[in-house]
Amino acid sequence: MSLPARALIALVVNTAALVAIGKFVPGVTLTDDLTSVVLLGAILTLLNFVIKPILKLVLSPVIILTLGIGLILVNAIVLYLLDNISQEITIQNVAAYLYAAVLLGIINLVSHILFHKK
């Protein structure tokens, strides 16, 4: 699959994940404007393409020692960066970061299984 196609799928999935996080995770407030949510999804996609691999490399000992559960920490850090970059999302506490990171990880896992067939 080409890079533009992967980026478009990631944008749609991340935008849908942000909407789900805003609806189901207490402590997460998301703007109601669809354009802002799509822009937020684009920022999250960019963070996932650029920052997330670096975080995985730096935190790889933690990820290995926790048998992959450290990936929740990686997703929480990405969400923390997104919260600091944008005014359209507000995450209030650590529990909200962790729940949102778990939900984001599950949605990304399902999309990876569905769309990355060879």
Protein backbone atom coordinates (compact mmCIF):
# COMPACT_ATOMS: atom_id res chain seq x y z
CA MET A 1 0.00 0.00 0.00
CA SER A 2 1.35 3.40 -0.95
CA LEU A 3 2.21 6.07 1.59
CA PRO A 4 -0.60 8.48 0.59
CA ALA A 5 -3.16 5.67 0.92
CA ARG A 6 -1.77 4.70 4.33
CA ALA A 7 -1.84 8.32 5.44
CA LEU A 8 -5.45 8.76 4.32
CA ILE A 9 -6.55 5.58 6.11
CA ALA A 10 -4.64 6.66 9.22
CA LEU A 11 -6.32 10.09 9.08
CA VAL A 12 -9.80 8.57 8.91
CA VAL A 13 -9.07 6.01 11.64
CA ASN A 14 -7.44 8.56 13.97
CA THR A 15 -10.30 11.00 13.49
CA ALA A 16 -12.81 8.25 14.28
CA ALA A 17 -10.72 7.23 17.29
CA LEU A 18 -10.72 10.80 18.60
CA VAL A 19 -14.50 10.99 18.25
CA ALA A 20 -14.83 7.67 20.14
CA ILE A 21 -12.43 8.87 22.83
CA GLY A 22 -14.39 12.10 23.20
CA LYS A 23 -17.65 10.17 23.59
CA PHE A 24 -16.60 7.25 25.80
CA VAL A 25 -13.70 8.42 27.97
CA PRO A 26 -14.69 10.57 30.94
CA GLY A 27 -12.35 13.51 31.41
CA VAL A 28 -11.78 14.07 27.68
CA THR A 29 -13.44 17.09 26.12
CA LEU A 30 -13.43 17.42 22.35
CA THR A 31 -14.73 20.31 20.26
CA ASP A 32 -18.00 19.82 18.38
CA ASP A 33 -16.74 21.32 15.11
CA LEU A 34 -16.13 18.59 12.49
CA THR A 35 -13.41 20.59 10.74
CA SER A 36 -11.50 20.98 14.01
CA VAL A 37 -11.82 17.27 14.76
CA VAL A 38 -10.48 16.35 11.30
CA LEU A 39 -7.59 18.78 11.81
CA LEU A 40 -6.98 17.19 15.20
CA GLY A 41 -6.98 13.77 13.50
CA ALA A 42 -4.41 15.06 11.02
CA ILE A 43 -2.17 16.29 13.84
CA LEU A 44 -2.52 12.92 15.60
CA THR A 45 -1.65 11.12 12.35
CA LEU A 46 1.44 13.29 11.95
CA LEU A 47 2.48 12.61 15.55
CA ASN A 48 1.96 8.88 14.97
CA PHE A 49 4.14 8.94 11.84
CA VAL A 50 6.95 11.09 13.29
CA ILE A 51 7.05 11.02 17.10
CA LYS A 52 5.64 7.57 17.91
CA PRO A 53 8.51 5.57 16.29
CA ILE A 54 11.04 7.66 18.21
CA LEU A 55 9.15 7.06 21.47
CA LYS A 56 8.98 3.33 20.74
CA LEU A 57 12.73 3.25 20.20
CA VAL A 58 13.51 5.21 23.36
CA LEU A 59 11.02 3.27 25.50
CA SER A 60 11.78 -0.14 23.95
CA PRO A 61 13.29 -1.54 27.19
CA VAL A 62 10.08 -0.63 29.05
CA ILE A 63 7.94 -2.10 26.26
CA ILE A 64 9.93 -5.33 26.31
CA LEU A 65 9.95 -5.65 30.11
CA THR A 66 6.19 -5.09 30.32
CA LEU A 67 5.52 -7.48 27.42
CA GLY A 68 4.01 -4.74 25.26
CA ILE A 69 1.92 -2.97 27.88
CA GLY A 70 4.42 -0.10 27.70
CA LEU A 71 2.83 0.80 24.37
CA ILE A 72 -0.01 2.30 26.42
CA LEU A 73 2.57 4.72 27.80
CA VAL A 74 3.67 5.59 24.26
CA ASN A 75 0.06 6.30 23.22
CA ALA A 76 -0.49 8.34 26.39
CA ILE A 77 2.58 10.47 25.64
CA VAL A 78 1.35 11.06 22.07
CA LEU A 79 -2.05 12.11 23.45
CA TYR A 80 -0.32 14.39 25.96
CA LEU A 81 1.56 16.07 23.12
CA LEU A 82 -1.68 16.41 21.15
CA ASP A 83 -3.37 17.96 24.19
CA ASN A 84 -0.55 20.49 24.54
CA ILE A 85 -0.45 21.33 20.82
CA SER A 86 -4.17 21.87 20.26
CA GLN A 87 -6.93 23.79 22.00
CA GLU A 88 -9.64 21.52 20.50
CA ILE A 89 -8.99 18.67 22.94
CA THR A 90 -8.69 18.75 26.71
CA ILE A 91 -7.66 15.73 28.75
CA GLN A 92 -8.11 16.36 32.46
CA ASN A 93 -6.23 13.67 34.40
CA VAL A 94 -3.89 10.70 34.20
CA ALA A 95 -6.73 8.15 34.24
CA ALA A 96 -8.28 9.85 31.20
CA TYR A 97 -4.91 9.70 29.42
CA LEU A 98 -4.59 5.98 30.16
CA TYR A 99 -8.16 5.10 29.14
CA ALA A 100 -7.84 7.17 25.98
CA ALA A 101 -4.47 5.53 25.20
CA VAL A 102 -5.97 2.05 25.59
CA LEU A 103 -8.93 2.92 23.36
CA LEU A 104 -6.63 4.52 20.77
CA GLY A 105 -4.39 1.45 20.81
CA ILE A 106 -7.32 -0.94 20.33
CA ILE A 107 -8.75 1.08 17.44
CA ASN A 108 -5.34 1.33 15.76
CA LEU A 109 -4.78 -2.41 16.23
CA VAL A 110 -8.11 -3.25 14.61
CA SER A 111 -7.42 -0.89 11.70
CA HIS A 112 -3.97 -2.40 11.26
CA ILE A 113 -5.46 -5.89 11.09
CA LEU A 114 -8.16 -4.80 8.63
CA PHE A 115 -6.16 -2.59 6.27
CA HIS A 116 -2.60 -3.94 6.23
CA LYS A 117 -3.16 -7.28 4.58
CA LYS A 118 -0.50 -8.42 2.15
